[in-house]
Protein backbone atom coordinates (compact mmCIF):
# COMPACT_ATOMS: atom_id res chain seq x y z
CA UNK A 1 60.85 119.01 129.60
CA UNK A 2 62.93 121.80 131.20
CA UNK A 3 66.19 122.79 129.52
CA UNK A 4 69.41 121.34 130.92
CA UNK A 5 71.12 123.28 133.69
CA UNK A 6 74.06 124.49 131.66
CA UNK A 7 75.44 128.02 131.91
CA UNK A 8 76.30 127.73 128.21
CA UNK A 9 72.81 126.60 127.14
CA UNK A 10 71.98 129.83 125.21
CA UNK A 11 75.17 129.45 123.17
CA UNK A 12 74.43 125.77 122.49
CA UNK A 13 70.94 126.63 121.24
CA UNK A 14 72.31 129.36 118.95
CA UNK A 15 74.87 127.01 117.40
CA UNK A 16 72.23 124.33 116.82
CA UNK A 17 69.68 126.77 115.40
CA UNK A 18 72.30 128.18 113.03
CA UNK A 19 72.87 124.64 111.76
CA UNK A 20 69.16 124.00 111.31
CA UNK A 21 68.77 127.28 109.44
CA UNK A 22 71.68 126.43 107.15
CA UNK A 23 70.11 123.08 106.29
CA UNK A 24 66.65 124.57 105.75
CA UNK A 25 68.10 127.18 103.41
CA UNK A 26 69.87 124.34 101.58
CA UNK A 27 73.26 125.93 102.12
CA UNK A 28 74.39 122.55 103.50
CA UNK A 29 73.02 119.07 103.70
CA UNK A 30 71.46 118.13 107.02
CA UNK A 31 74.44 115.87 107.74
CA UNK A 32 76.94 118.66 107.04
CA UNK A 33 75.00 121.16 109.14
CA UNK A 34 74.77 118.72 112.05
CA UNK A 35 78.49 117.99 111.91
CA UNK A 36 79.42 121.67 111.77
CA UNK A 37 77.08 122.47 114.65
CA UNK A 38 78.36 119.58 116.76
CA UNK A 39 81.98 120.74 116.64
CA UNK A 40 81.44 124.04 118.50
CA UNK A 41 78.51 122.74 120.57
CA UNK A 42 80.32 119.78 122.13
CA UNK A 43 82.81 121.77 124.24
CA UNK A 44 80.01 124.13 125.32
CA UNK A 45 78.05 121.16 126.64
CA UNK A 46 81.08 119.52 128.28
CA UNK A 47 82.21 122.73 129.98
CA UNK A 48 78.71 124.08 130.71
């Protein structure tokens, strides 16, 4: 599946990967990491 056509896609991926890394390193629970990643990612997706 090709990536979405968003100009902000690289930033969205970075935010999400930072959240995954945080959860994998057990710095946060998966739920916390997802929530913290969603906050900055949502406007990037809406405005992308």
